[in-house]
């Protein structure tokens, strides 16, 4: 029962993200709205991490399996992708390198900031 309640809490933030996406004129995916709302709720202590932790860990654990349908869909358009193989691989490598670099810099910045800030 605990997992169902925790999943419903997470689902509520997904629903709120969908509503924001529907009503706001910005080209931001609803999942981003939901994640930001969930983050704000966790940071402001409206929601305690223990109230979603077990289900969140489960969802993160099965996350790779959620990509299987997308990978199967790519197999159906492999002929079209083969014509664009070089640009696709270049884009994948460039984007991957950028994401890794930006993530690394942001992580270092946050860690340096936490080291400089005295904790109570």
PDB file of N, CA and C in Angstrom:
ATOM      1  N   UNK A   1       0.822  -1.191   0.000  1.00  0.00           N
ATOM      2  CA  UNK A   1       0.000   0.000   0.000  1.00  0.00           C
ATOM      3  C   UNK A   1       0.865   1.254   0.000  1.00  0.00           C
ATOM      4  N   UNK A   2       2.033   1.185   0.679  1.00  0.00           N
ATOM      5  CA  UNK A   2       2.945   2.321   0.762  1.00  0.00           C
ATOM      6  C   UNK A   2       3.389   2.757  -0.638  1.00  0.00           C
ATOM      7  N   UNK A   3       3.685   1.781  -1.502  1.00  0.00           N
ATOM      8  CA  UNK A   3       4.135   2.099  -2.858  1.00  0.00           C
ATOM      9  C   UNK A   3       3.033   2.799  -3.652  1.00  0.00           C
ATOM     10  N   UNK A   4       1.814   2.368  -3.471  1.00  0.00           N
ATOM     11  CA  UNK A   4       0.692   2.969  -4.204  1.00  0.00           C
ATOM     12  C   UNK A   4       0.501   4.423  -3.778  1.00  0.00           C
ATOM     13  N   UNK A   5       0.580   4.682  -2.491  1.00  0.00           N
ATOM     14  CA  UNK A   5       0.418   6.049  -1.998  1.00  0.00           C
ATOM     15  C   UNK A   5       1.563   6.935  -2.500  1.00  0.00           C
ATOM     16  N   UNK A   6       2.788   6.416  -2.445  1.00  0.00           N
ATOM     17  CA  UNK A   6       3.929   7.180  -2.926  1.00  0.00           C
ATOM     18  C   UNK A   6       3.824   7.424  -4.433  1.00  0.00           C
ATOM     19  N   UNK A   7       3.375   6.412  -5.167  1.00  0.00           N
ATOM     20  CA  UNK A   7       3.215   6.572  -6.605  1.00  0.00           C
ATOM     21  C   UNK A   7       2.142   7.620  -6.912  1.00  0.00           C
ATOM     22  N   UNK A   8       1.080   7.638  -6.147  1.00  0.00           N
ATOM     23  CA  UNK A   8       0.018   8.639  -6.341  1.00  0.00           C
ATOM     24  C   UNK A   8       0.539  10.045  -6.083  1.00  0.00           C
ATOM     25  N   UNK A   9       1.404  10.190  -5.093  1.00  0.00           N
ATOM     26  CA  UNK A   9       2.013  11.505  -4.835  1.00  0.00           C
ATOM     27  C   UNK A   9       2.829  11.954  -6.046  1.00  0.00           C
ATOM     28  N   UNK A  10       3.639  11.068  -6.582  1.00  0.00           N
ATOM     29  CA  UNK A  10       4.448  11.410  -7.764  1.00  0.00           C
ATOM     30  C   UNK A  10       3.541  11.705  -8.945  1.00  0.00           C
ATOM     31  N   UNK A  11       2.504  10.900  -9.090  1.00  0.00           N
ATOM     32  CA  UNK A  11       1.552  11.092 -10.187  1.00  0.00           C
ATOM     33  C   UNK A  11       0.837  12.441 -10.079  1.00  0.00           C
ATOM     34  N   UNK A  12       0.597  12.895  -8.868  1.00  0.00           N
ATOM     35  CA  UNK A  12      -0.038  14.198  -8.667  1.00  0.00           C
ATOM     36  C   UNK A  12       0.825  15.306  -9.275  1.00  0.00           C
ATOM     37  N   UNK A  13       2.133  15.221  -9.087  1.00  0.00           N
ATOM     38  CA  UNK A  13       3.018  16.230  -9.662  1.00  0.00           C
ATOM     39  C   UNK A  13       3.068  16.123 -11.180  1.00  0.00           C
ATOM     40  N   UNK A  14       2.936  14.914 -11.704  1.00  0.00           N
ATOM     41  CA  UNK A  14       2.832  14.754 -13.163  1.00  0.00           C
ATOM     42  C   UNK A  14       1.563  15.421 -13.680  1.00  0.00           C
ATOM     43  N   UNK A  15       0.470  15.245 -12.968  1.00  0.00           N
ATOM     44  CA  UNK A  15      -0.804  15.866 -13.350  1.00  0.00           C
ATOM     45  C   UNK A  15      -0.701  17.391 -13.291  1.00  0.00           C
ATOM     46  N   UNK A  16      -0.106  17.906 -12.222  1.00  0.00           N
ATOM     47  CA  UNK A  16       0.074  19.350 -12.111  1.00  0.00           C
ATOM     48  C   UNK A  16       0.948  19.882 -13.249  1.00  0.00           C
ATOM     49  N   UNK A  17       1.961  19.120 -13.637  1.00  0.00           N
ATOM     50  CA  UNK A  17       2.797  19.498 -14.779  1.00  0.00           C
ATOM     51  C   UNK A  17       1.994  19.530 -16.071  1.00  0.00           C
ATOM     52  N   UNK A  18       1.106  18.552 -16.240  1.00  0.00           N
ATOM     53  CA  UNK A  18       0.237  18.538 -17.426  1.00  0.00           C
ATOM     54  C   UNK A  18      -0.663  19.771 -17.454  1.00  0.00           C
ATOM     55  N   UNK A  19      -1.213  20.127 -16.298  1.00  0.00           N
ATOM     56  CA  UNK A  19      -2.078  21.301 -16.223  1.00  0.00           C
ATOM     57  C   UNK A  19      -1.317  22.588 -16.545  1.00  0.00           C
ATOM     58  N   UNK A  20      -0.116  22.713 -15.993  1.00  0.00           N
ATOM     59  CA  UNK A  20       0.694  23.890 -16.304  1.00  0.00           C
ATOM     60  C   UNK A  20       1.021  23.955 -17.794  1.00  0.00           C
ATOM     61  N   UNK A  21       1.358  22.813 -18.369  1.00  0.00           N
ATOM     62  CA  UNK A  21       1.670  22.768 -19.806  1.00  0.00           C
ATOM     63  C   UNK A  21       0.455  23.185 -20.638  1.00  0.00           C
ATOM     64  N   UNK A  22      -0.712  22.800 -20.197  1.00  0.00           N
ATOM     65  CA  UNK A  22      -1.941  23.124 -20.924  1.00  0.00           C
ATOM     66  C   UNK A  22      -2.265  24.615 -20.831  1.00  0.00           C
ATOM     67  N   UNK A  23      -2.085  25.194 -19.639  1.00  0.00           N
ATOM     68  CA  UNK A  23      -2.507  26.573 -19.421  1.00  0.00           C
ATOM     69  C   UNK A  23      -1.434  27.619 -19.704  1.00  0.00           C
ATOM     70  N   UNK A  24      -0.172  27.262 -19.607  1.00  0.00           N
ATOM     71  CA  UNK A  24       0.888  28.243 -19.855  1.00  0.00           C
ATOM     72  C   UNK A  24       1.321  28.197 -21.316  1.00  0.00           C
ATOM     73  N   UNK A  25       1.641  29.352 -21.899  1.00  0.00           N
ATOM     74  CA  UNK A  25       1.964  29.388 -23.331  1.00  0.00           C
ATOM     75  C   UNK A  25       3.428  29.072 -23.665  1.00  0.00           C
ATOM     76  N   UNK A  26       4.170  28.494 -22.744  1.00  0.00           N
ATOM     77  CA  UNK A  26       5.588  28.236 -22.981  1.00  0.00           C
ATOM     78  C   UNK A  26       5.804  26.856 -23.595  1.00  0.00           C
ATOM     79  N   UNK A  27       6.823  26.720 -24.447  1.00  0.00           N
ATOM     80  CA  UNK A  27       7.094  25.409 -25.076  1.00  0.00           C
ATOM     81  C   UNK A  27       7.927  24.497 -24.167  1.00  0.00           C
ATOM     82  N   UNK A  28       7.451  24.284 -22.966  1.00  0.00           N
ATOM     83  CA  UNK A  28       8.152  23.447 -21.989  1.00  0.00           C
ATOM     84  C   UNK A  28       7.340  22.172 -21.798  1.00  0.00           C
ATOM     85  N   UNK A  29       7.977  21.010 -21.877  1.00  0.00           N
ATOM     86  CA  UNK A  29       7.234  19.752 -21.690  1.00  0.00           C
ATOM     87  C   UNK A  29       6.617  19.661 -20.298  1.00  0.00           C
ATOM     88  N   UNK A  30       5.488  19.003 -20.223  1.00  0.00           N
ATOM     89  CA  UNK A  30       4.792  18.866 -18.947  1.00  0.00           C
ATOM     90  C   UNK A  30       5.622  18.096 -17.924  1.00  0.00           C
ATOM     91  N   UNK A  31       6.444  17.173 -18.393  1.00  0.00           N
ATOM     92  CA  UNK A  31       7.275  16.412 -17.454  1.00  0.00           C
ATOM     93  C   UNK A  31       8.275  17.318 -16.740  1.00  0.00           C
ATOM     94  N   UNK A  32       8.766  18.343 -17.425  1.00  0.00           N
ATOM     95  CA  UNK A  32       9.695  19.287 -16.800  1.00  0.00           C
ATOM     96  C   UNK A  32       8.962  20.096 -15.732  1.00  0.00           C
ATOM     97  N   UNK A  33       7.763  20.571 -16.069  1.00  0.00           N
ATOM     98  CA  UNK A  33       6.959  21.275 -15.066  1.00  0.00           C
ATOM     99  C   UNK A  33       6.756  20.399 -13.833  1.00  0.00           C
ATOM    100  N   UNK A  34       6.385  19.156 -14.044  1.00  0.00           N
ATOM    101  CA  UNK A  34       6.137  18.246 -12.929  1.00  0.00           C
ATOM    102  C   UNK A  34       7.372  18.025 -12.076  1.00  0.00           C
ATOM    103  N   UNK A  35       8.510  17.829 -12.726  1.00  0.00           N
ATOM    104  CA  UNK A  35       9.754  17.610 -11.987  1.00  0.00           C
ATOM    105  C   UNK A  35      10.148  18.850 -11.189  1.00  0.00           C
ATOM    106  N   UNK A  36       9.969  20.021 -11.781  1.00  0.00           N
ATOM    107  CA  UNK A  36      10.311  21.259 -11.074  1.00  0.00           C
ATOM    108  C   UNK A  36       9.373  21.443  -9.876  1.00  0.00           C
ATOM    109  N   UNK A  37       8.095  21.167 -10.065  1.00  0.00           N
ATOM    110  CA  UNK A  37       7.152  21.268  -8.944  1.00  0.00           C
ATOM    111  C   UNK A  37       7.502  20.279  -7.830  1.00  0.00           C
ATOM    112  N   UNK A  38       7.859  19.060  -8.212  1.00  0.00           N
ATOM    113  CA  UNK A  38       8.262  18.056  -7.227  1.00  0.00           C
ATOM    114  C   UNK A  38       9.521  18.509  -6.488  1.00  0.00           C
ATOM    115  N   UNK A  39      10.480  19.035  -7.221  1.00  0.00           N
ATOM    116  CA  UNK A  39      11.708  19.544  -6.602  1.00  0.00           C
ATOM    117  C   UNK A  39      11.395  20.673  -5.627  1.00  0.00           C
ATOM    118  N   UNK A  40      10.540  21.603  -6.039  1.00  0.00           N
ATOM    119  CA  UNK A  40      10.155  22.718  -5.156  1.00  0.00           C
ATOM    120  C   UNK A  40       9.455  22.204  -3.895  1.00  0.00           C
ATOM    121  N   UNK A  41       8.592  21.227  -4.061  1.00  0.00           N
ATOM    122  CA  UNK A  41       7.893  20.664  -2.902  1.00  0.00           C
ATOM    123  C   UNK A  41       8.874  19.981  -1.953  1.00  0.00           C
ATOM    124  N   UNK A  42       9.858  19.288  -2.501  1.00  0.00           N
ATOM    125  CA  UNK A  42      10.856  18.620  -1.662  1.00  0.00           C
ATOM    126  C   UNK A  42      11.762  19.638  -0.970  1.00  0.00           C
ATOM    127  N   UNK A  43      12.184  20.667  -1.714  1.00  0.00           N
ATOM    128  CA  UNK A  43      13.084  21.673  -1.147  1.00  0.00           C
ATOM    129  C   UNK A  43      12.398  22.535  -0.083  1.00  0.00           C
ATOM    130  N   UNK A  44      11.101  22.759  -0.239  1.00  0.00           N
ATOM    131  CA  UNK A  44      10.375  23.600   0.705  1.00  0.00           C
ATOM    132  C   UNK A  44       9.757  22.794   1.852  1.00  0.00           C
ATOM    133  N   UNK A  45      10.038  21.510   1.888  1.00  0.00           N
ATOM    134  CA  UNK A  45       9.526  20.601   2.924  1.00  0.00           C
ATOM    135  C   UNK A  45       8.012  20.451   2.923  1.00  0.00           C
ATOM    136  N   UNK A  46       7.365  20.801   1.807  1.00  0.00           N
ATOM    137  CA  UNK A  46       5.940  20.470   1.670  1.00  0.00           C
ATOM    138  C   UNK A  46       5.777  18.964   1.524  1.00  0.00           C
ATOM    139  N   UNK A  47       6.796  18.356   0.958  1.00  0.00           N
ATOM    140  CA  UNK A  47       6.827  16.909   0.765  1.00  0.00           C
ATOM    141  C   UNK A  47       8.157  16.418   1.306  1.00  0.00           C
ATOM    142  N   UNK A  48       8.107  15.448   2.145  1.00  0.00           N
ATOM    143  CA  UNK A  48       9.332  14.873   2.720  1.00  0.00           C
ATOM    144  C   UNK A  48       9.872  13.799   1.774  1.00  0.00           C
ATOM    145  N   UNK A  49      11.189  13.693   1.662  1.00  0.00           N
ATOM    146  CA  UNK A  49      11.755  12.664   0.781  1.00  0.00           C
ATOM    147  C   UNK A  49      11.264  11.258   1.114  1.00  0.00           C
ATOM    148  N   UNK A  50      11.024  10.983   2.395  1.00  0.00           N
ATOM    149  CA  UNK A  50      10.550   9.659   2.794  1.00  0.00           C
ATOM    150  C   UNK A  50       9.169   9.351   2.221  1.00  0.00           C
ATOM    151  N   UNK A  51       8.424  10.393   1.848  1.00  0.00           N
ATOM    152  CA  UNK A  51       7.073  10.205   1.335  1.00  0.00           C
ATOM    153  C   UNK A  51       7.056   9.733  -0.115  1.00  0.00           C
ATOM    154  N   UNK A  52       8.212   9.754  -0.800  1.00  0.00           N
ATOM    155  CA  UNK A  52       8.270   9.285  -2.189  1.00  0.00           C
ATOM    156  C   UNK A  52       9.504   8.425  -2.471  1.00  0.00           C
ATOM    157  N   UNK A  53      10.371   8.261  -1.485  1.00  0.00           N
ATOM    158  CA  UNK A  53      11.672   7.626  -1.706  1.00  0.00           C
ATOM    159  C   UNK A  53      11.588   6.207  -2.278  1.00  0.00           C
ATOM    160  N   UNK A  54      10.805   5.337  -1.661  1.00  0.00           N
ATOM    161  CA  UNK A  54      10.773   3.927  -2.084  1.00  0.00           C
ATOM    162  C   UNK A  54      10.313   3.781  -3.530  1.00  0.00           C
ATOM    163  N   UNK A  55       9.243   4.479  -3.874  1.00  0.00           N
ATOM    164  CA  UNK A  55       8.727   4.379  -5.240  1.00  0.00           C
ATOM    165  C   UNK A  55       9.672   5.058  -6.224  1.00  0.00           C
ATOM    166  N   UNK A  56      10.263   6.179  -5.832  1.00  0.00           N
ATOM    167  CA  UNK A  56      11.206   6.863  -6.716  1.00  0.00           C
ATOM    168  C   UNK A  56      12.412   5.978  -7.015  1.00  0.00           C
ATOM    169  N   UNK A  57      12.931   5.303  -5.991  1.00  0.00           N
ATOM    170  CA  UNK A  57      14.058   4.388  -6.216  1.00  0.00           C
ATOM    171  C   UNK A  57      13.667   3.233  -7.130  1.00  0.00           C
ATOM    172  N   UNK A  58      12.459   2.727  -6.956  1.00  0.00           N
ATOM    173  CA  UNK A  58      11.976   1.665  -7.837  1.00  0.00           C
ATOM    174  C   UNK A  58      11.892   2.162  -9.280  1.00  0.00           C
ATOM    175  N   UNK A  59      11.317   3.346  -9.478  1.00  0.00           N
ATOM    176  CA  UNK A  59      11.172   3.888 -10.836  1.00  0.00           C
ATOM    177  C   UNK A  59      12.530   4.148 -11.482  1.00  0.00           C
ATOM    178  N   UNK A  60      13.472   4.659 -10.706  1.00  0.00           N
ATOM    179  CA  UNK A  60      14.818   4.873 -11.239  1.00  0.00           C
ATOM    180  C   UNK A  60      15.456   3.533 -11.602  1.00  0.00           C
ATOM    181  N   UNK A  61      15.188   2.511 -10.822  1.00  0.00           N
ATOM    182  CA  UNK A  61      15.741   1.184 -11.095  1.00  0.00           C
ATOM    183  C   UNK A  61      15.234   0.564 -12.383  1.00  0.00           C
ATOM    184  N   UNK A  62      13.968   0.815 -12.730  1.00  0.00           N
ATOM    185  CA  UNK A  62      13.416   0.230 -13.956  1.00  0.00           C
ATOM    186  C   UNK A  62      13.487   1.187 -15.138  1.00  0.00           C
ATOM    187  N   UNK A  63      14.074   2.350 -14.920  1.00  0.00           N
ATOM    188  CA  UNK A  63      14.127   3.378 -15.963  1.00  0.00           C
ATOM    189  C   UNK A  63      14.678   2.867 -17.296  1.00  0.00           C
ATOM    190  N   UNK A  64      15.767   2.099 -17.320  1.00  0.00           N
ATOM    191  CA  UNK A  64      16.277   1.632 -18.622  1.00  0.00           C
ATOM    192  C   UNK A  64      15.265   0.810 -19.420  1.00  0.00           C
ATOM    193  N   UNK A  65      14.411   0.074 -18.755  1.00  0.00           N
ATOM    194  CA  UNK A  65      13.417  -0.740 -19.464  1.00  0.00           C
ATOM    195  C   UNK A  65      12.372   0.117 -20.174  1.00  0.00           C
ATOM    196  N   UNK A  66      12.200   1.347 -19.720  1.00  0.00           N
ATOM    197  CA  UNK A  66      11.222   2.223 -20.345  1.00  0.00           C
ATOM    198  C   UNK A  66      11.657   2.676 -21.738  1.00  0.00           C
ATOM    199  N   UNK A  67      12.941   2.498 -22.061  1.00  0.00           N
ATOM    200  CA  UNK A  67      13.435   2.896 -23.371  1.00  0.00           C
ATOM    201  C   UNK A  67      13.303   1.788 -24.416  1.00  0.00           C
ATOM    202  N   UNK A  68      12.945   0.597 -24.016  1.00  0.00           N
ATOM    203  CA  UNK A  68      12.841  -0.519 -24.952  1.00  0.00           C
ATOM    204  C   UNK A  68      11.822  -0.252 -26.053  1.00  0.00           C
ATOM    205  N   UNK A  69      10.617   0.254 -25.766  1.00  0.00           N
ATOM    206  CA  UNK A  69       9.681   0.536 -26.866  1.00  0.00           C
ATOM    207  C   UNK A  69      10.220   1.574 -27.855  1.00  0.00           C
ATOM    208  N   UNK A  70      10.918   2.581 -27.359  1.00  0.00           N
ATOM    209  CA  UNK A  70      11.496   3.585 -28.251  1.00  0.00           C
ATOM    210  C   UNK A  70      12.569   2.962 -29.140  1.00  0.00           C
ATOM    211  N   UNK A  71      13.378   2.090 -28.572  1.00  0.00           N
ATOM    212  CA  UNK A  71      14.416   1.430 -29.363  1.00  0.00           C
ATOM    213  C   UNK A  71      13.796   0.515 -30.413  1.00  0.00           C
ATOM    214  N   UNK A  72      12.697  -0.142 -30.069  1.00  0.00           N
ATOM    215  CA  UNK A  72      12.010  -0.993 -31.040  1.00  0.00           C
ATOM    216  C   UNK A  72      11.415  -0.139 -32.158  1.00  0.00           C
ATOM    217  N   UNK A  73      10.921   1.043 -31.820  1.00  0.00           N
ATOM    218  CA  UNK A  73      10.380   1.938 -32.834  1.00  0.00           C
ATOM    219  C   UNK A  73      11.443   2.420 -33.800  1.00  0.00           C
ATOM    220  N   UNK A  74      12.653   2.601 -33.307  1.00  0.00           N
ATOM    221  CA  UNK A  74      13.754   3.026 -34.179  1.00  0.00           C
ATOM    222  C   UNK A  74      14.067   1.939 -35.201  1.00  0.00           C
ATOM    223  N   UNK A  75      13.906   0.694 -34.828  1.00  0.00           N
ATOM    224  CA  UNK A  75      14.190  -0.408 -35.745  1.00  0.00           C
ATOM    225  C   UNK A  75      13.270  -0.365 -36.970  1.00  0.00           C
ATOM    226  N   UNK A  76      12.067   0.186 -36.796  1.00  0.00           N
ATOM    227  CA  UNK A  76      11.137   0.263 -37.919  1.00  0.00           C
ATOM    228  C   UNK A  76      11.547   1.297 -38.951  1.00  0.00           C
ATOM    229  N   UNK A  77      12.312   2.301 -38.547  1.00  0.00           N
ATOM    230  CA  UNK A  77      12.727   3.361 -39.472  1.00  0.00           C
ATOM    231  C   UNK A  77      14.226   3.310 -39.740  1.00  0.00           C
ATOM    232  N   UNK A  78      14.803   2.131 -39.641  1.00  0.00           N
ATOM    233  CA  UNK A  78      16.246   2.021 -39.800  1.00  0.00           C
ATOM    234  C   UNK A  78      16.720   2.403 -41.202  1.00  0.00           C
ATOM    235  N   UNK A  79      15.897   2.188 -42.208  1.00  0.00           N
ATOM    236  CA  UNK A  79      16.310   2.569 -43.567  1.00  0.00           C
ATOM    237  C   UNK A  79      16.472   4.078 -43.685  1.00  0.00           C
ATOM    238  N   UNK A  80      15.530   4.833 -43.125  1.00  0.00           N
ATOM    239  CA  UNK A  80      15.635   6.288 -43.154  1.00  0.00           C
ATOM    240  C   UNK A  80      16.808   6.767 -42.296  1.00  0.00           C
ATOM    241  N   UNK A  81      17.039   6.105 -41.185  1.00  0.00           N
ATOM    242  CA  UNK A  81      18.148   6.485 -40.306  1.00  0.00           C
ATOM    243  C   UNK A  81      19.502   6.180 -40.939  1.00  0.00           C
ATOM    244  N   UNK A  82      19.563   5.124 -41.728  1.00  0.00           N
ATOM    245  CA  UNK A  82      20.836   4.755 -42.345  1.00  0.00           C
ATOM    246  C   UNK A  82      21.312   5.861 -43.284  1.00  0.00           C
ATOM    247  N   UNK A  83      20.366   6.522 -43.956  1.00  0.00           N
ATOM    248  CA  UNK A  83      20.737   7.620 -44.851  1.00  0.00           C
ATOM    249  C   UNK A  83      21.313   8.806 -44.071  1.00  0.00           C
ATOM    250  N   UNK A  84      20.910   8.935 -42.812  1.00  0.00           N
ATOM    251  CA  UNK A  84      21.367  10.056 -41.989  1.00  0.00           C
ATOM    252  C   UNK A  84      22.341   9.598 -40.903  1.00  0.00           C
ATOM    253  N   UNK A  85      23.041   8.500 -41.118  1.00  0.00           N
ATOM    254  CA  UNK A  85      23.873   7.895 -40.078  1.00  0.00           C
ATOM    255  C   UNK A  85      24.961   8.838 -39.564  1.00  0.00           C
ATOM    256  N   UNK A  86      25.700   9.452 -40.465  1.00  0.00           N
ATOM    257  CA  UNK A  86      26.793  10.327 -40.030  1.00  0.00           C
ATOM    258  C   UNK A  86      26.275  11.532 -39.235  1.00  0.00           C
ATOM    259  N   UNK A  87      25.279  12.274 -39.737  1.00  0.00           N
ATOM    260  CA  UNK A  87      24.783  13.403 -38.931  1.00  0.00           C
ATOM    261  C   UNK A  87      24.195  12.972 -37.584  1.00  0.00           C
ATOM    262  N   UNK A  88      23.528  11.818 -37.553  1.00  0.00           N
ATOM    263  CA  UNK A  88      22.948  11.342 -36.292  1.00  0.00           C
ATOM    264  C   UNK A  88      24.053  11.022 -35.291  1.00  0.00           C
ATOM    265  N   UNK A  89      25.089  10.316 -35.733  1.00  0.00           N
ATOM    266  CA  UNK A  89      26.178   9.977 -34.817  1.00  0.00           C
ATOM    267  C   UNK A  89      26.923  11.223 -34.351  1.00  0.00           C
ATOM    268  N   UNK A  90      27.147  12.163 -35.251  1.00  0.00           N
ATOM    269  CA  UNK A  90      27.810  13.402 -34.847  1.00  0.00           C
ATOM    270  C   UNK A  90      26.970  14.154 -33.820  1.00  0.00           C
ATOM    271  N   UNK A  91      25.681  14.244 -34.075  1.00  0.00           N
ATOM    272  CA  UNK A  91      24.798  14.933 -33.130  1.00  0.00           C
ATOM    273  C   UNK A  91      24.796  14.215 -31.782  1.00  0.00           C
ATOM    274  N   UNK A  92      24.744  12.891 -31.809  1.00  0.00           N
ATOM    275  CA  UNK A  92      24.746  12.133 -30.554  1.00  0.00           C
ATOM    276  C   UNK A  92      26.024  12.365 -29.761  1.00  0.00           C
ATOM    277  N   UNK A  93      27.160  12.327 -30.439  1.00  0.00           N
ATOM    278  CA  UNK A  93      28.429  12.515 -29.740  1.00  0.00           C
ATOM    279  C   UNK A  93      28.581  13.943 -29.223  1.00  0.00           C
ATOM    280  N   UNK A  94      28.206  14.919 -30.040  1.00  0.00           N
ATOM    281  CA  UNK A  94      28.324  16.317 -29.616  1.00  0.00           C
ATOM    282  C   UNK A  94      27.390  16.603 -28.449  1.00  0.00           C
ATOM    283  N   UNK A  95      26.147  16.169 -28.561  1.00  0.00           N
ATOM    284  CA  UNK A  95      25.182  16.412 -27.484  1.00  0.00           C
ATOM    285  C   UNK A  95      25.600  15.674 -26.220  1.00  0.00           C
ATOM    286  N   UNK A  96      26.058  14.439 -26.346  1.00  0.00           N
ATOM    287  CA  UNK A  96      26.509  13.684 -25.175  1.00  0.00           C
ATOM    288  C   UNK A  96      27.681  14.382 -24.498  1.00  0.00           C
ATOM    289  N   UNK A  97      28.638  14.843 -25.289  1.00  0.00           N
ATOM    290  CA  UNK A  97      29.786  15.550 -24.719  1.00  0.00           C
ATOM    291  C   UNK A  97      29.350  16.839 -24.028  1.00  0.00           C
ATOM    292  N   UNK A  98      28.444  17.576 -24.649  1.00  0.00           N
ATOM    293  CA  UNK A  98      27.947  18.810 -24.028  1.00  0.00           C
ATOM    294  C   UNK A  98      27.225  18.536 -22.719  1.00  0.00           C
ATOM    295  N   UNK A  99      26.361  17.531 -22.711  1.00  0.00           N
ATOM    296  CA  UNK A  99      25.621  17.196 -21.488  1.00  0.00           C
ATOM    297  C   UNK A  99      26.586  16.772 -20.392  1.00  0.00           C
ATOM    298  N   UNK A 100      27.576  15.968 -20.732  1.00  0.00           N
ATOM    299  CA  UNK A 100      28.548  15.531 -19.730  1.00  0.00           C
ATOM    300  C   UNK A 100      29.338  16.724 -19.188  1.00  0.00           C
ATOM    301  N   UNK A 101      29.777  17.611 -20.068  1.00  0.00           N
ATOM    302  CA  UNK A 101      30.559  18.768 -19.638  1.00  0.00           C
ATOM    303  C   UNK A 101      29.734  19.701 -18.766  1.00  0.00           C
ATOM    304  N   UNK A 102      28.536  20.024 -19.202  1.00  0.00           N
ATOM    305  CA  UNK A 102      27.690  20.936 -18.432  1.00  0.00           C
ATOM    306  C   UNK A 102      27.317  20.313 -17.094  1.00  0.00           C
ATOM    307  N   UNK A 103      26.988  19.031 -17.085  1.00  0.00           N
ATOM    308  CA  UNK A 103      26.653  18.354 -15.827  1.00  0.00           C
ATOM    309  C   UNK A 103      27.844  18.371 -14.873  1.00  0.00           C
ATOM    310  N   UNK A 104      29.022  18.138 -15.408  1.00  0.00           N
ATOM    311  CA  UNK A 104      30.228  18.161 -14.577  1.00  0.00           C
ATOM    312  C   UNK A 104      30.489  19.526 -13.975  1.00  0.00           C
ATOM    313  N   UNK A 105      30.369  20.566 -14.805  1.00  0.00           N
ATOM    314  CA  UNK A 105      30.583  21.922 -14.301  1.00  0.00           C
ATOM    315  C   UNK A 105      29.546  22.308 -13.252  1.00  0.00           C
ATOM    316  N   UNK A 106      28.294  21.982 -13.493  1.00  0.00           N
ATOM    317  CA  UNK A 106      27.246  22.304 -12.521  1.00  0.00           C
ATOM    318  C   UNK A 106      27.479  21.548 -11.217  1.00  0.00           C
ATOM    319  N   UNK A 107      27.843  20.275 -11.312  1.00  0.00           N
ATOM    320  CA  UNK A 107      28.117  19.484 -10.108  1.00  0.00           C
ATOM    321  C   UNK A 107      29.290  20.065  -9.332  1.00  0.00           C
ATOM    322  N   UNK A 108      30.371  20.434 -10.037  1.00  0.00           N
ATOM    323  CA  UNK A 108      31.523  21.033  -9.361  1.00  0.00           C
ATOM    324  C   UNK A 108      31.151  22.350  -8.698  1.00  0.00           C
ATOM    325  N   UNK A 109      30.361  23.162  -9.396  1.00  0.00           N
ATOM    326  CA  UNK A 109      29.930  24.445  -8.838  1.00  0.00           C
ATOM    327  C   UNK A 109      29.133  24.241  -7.556  1.00  0.00           C
ATOM    328  N   UNK A 110      28.191  23.311  -7.590  1.00  0.00           N
ATOM    329  CA  UNK A 110      27.363  23.056  -6.407  1.00  0.00           C
ATOM    330  C   UNK A 110      28.208  22.509  -5.257  1.00  0.00           C
ATOM    331  N   UNK A 111      29.125  21.598  -5.563  1.00  0.00           N
ATOM    332  CA  UNK A 111      29.968  21.029  -4.510  1.00  0.00           C
ATOM    333  C   UNK A 111      30.894  22.092  -3.913  1.00  0.00           C
ATOM    334  N   UNK A 112      31.477  22.957  -4.753  1.00  0.00           N
ATOM    335  CA  UNK A 112      32.321  24.031  -4.249  1.00  0.00           C
ATOM    336  C   UNK A 112      31.522  25.001  -3.385  1.00  0.00           C
ATOM    337  N   UNK A 113      30.315  25.290  -3.820  1.00  0.00           N
ATOM    338  CA  UNK A 113      29.452  26.210  -3.066  1.00  0.00           C
ATOM    339  C   UNK A 113      29.078  25.612  -1.713  1.00  0.00           C
ATOM    340  N   UNK A 114      28.812  24.309  -1.682  1.00  0.00           N
ATOM    341  CA  UNK A 114      28.460  23.654  -0.423  1.00  0.00           C
ATOM    342  C   UNK A 114      29.657  23.608   0.526  1.00  0.00           C
ATOM    343  N   UNK A 115      30.867  23.446  -0.031  1.00  0.00           N
ATOM    344  CA  UNK A 115      32.065  23.421   0.816  1.00  0.00           C
ATOM    345  C   UNK A 115      32.319  24.785   1.454  1.00  0.00           C
ATOM    346  N   UNK A 116      32.039  25.854   0.706  1.00  0.00           N
ATOM    347  CA  UNK A 116      32.279  27.199   1.212  1.00  0.00           C
ATOM    348  C   UNK A 116      31.217  27.670   2.194  1.00  0.00           C
ATOM    349  N   UNK A 117      30.009  27.125   2.085  1.00  0.00           N
ATOM    350  CA  UNK A 117      28.920  27.526   2.959  1.00  0.00           C
ATOM    351  C   UNK A 117      28.983  26.724   4.257  1.00  0.00           C
ATOM    352  N   UNK A 118      29.073  27.435   5.406  1.00  0.00           N
ATOM    353  CA  UNK A 118      29.090  26.678   6.674  1.00  0.00           C
ATOM    354  C   UNK A 118      27.733  26.046   6.944  1.00  0.00           C
ATOM    355  N   UNK A 119      27.774  24.798   7.369  1.00  0.00           N
ATOM    356  CA  UNK A 119      26.545  24.055   7.680  1.00  0.00           C
ATOM    357  C   UNK A 119      26.267  24.147   9.169  1.00  0.00           C
ATOM    358  N   UNK A 120      24.998  24.186   9.520  1.00  0.00           N
ATOM    359  CA  UNK A 120      24.608  24.242  10.931  1.00  0.00           C
ATOM    360  C   UNK A 120      24.656  22.880  11.562  1.00  0.00           C
TER     361      UNK A 120
END
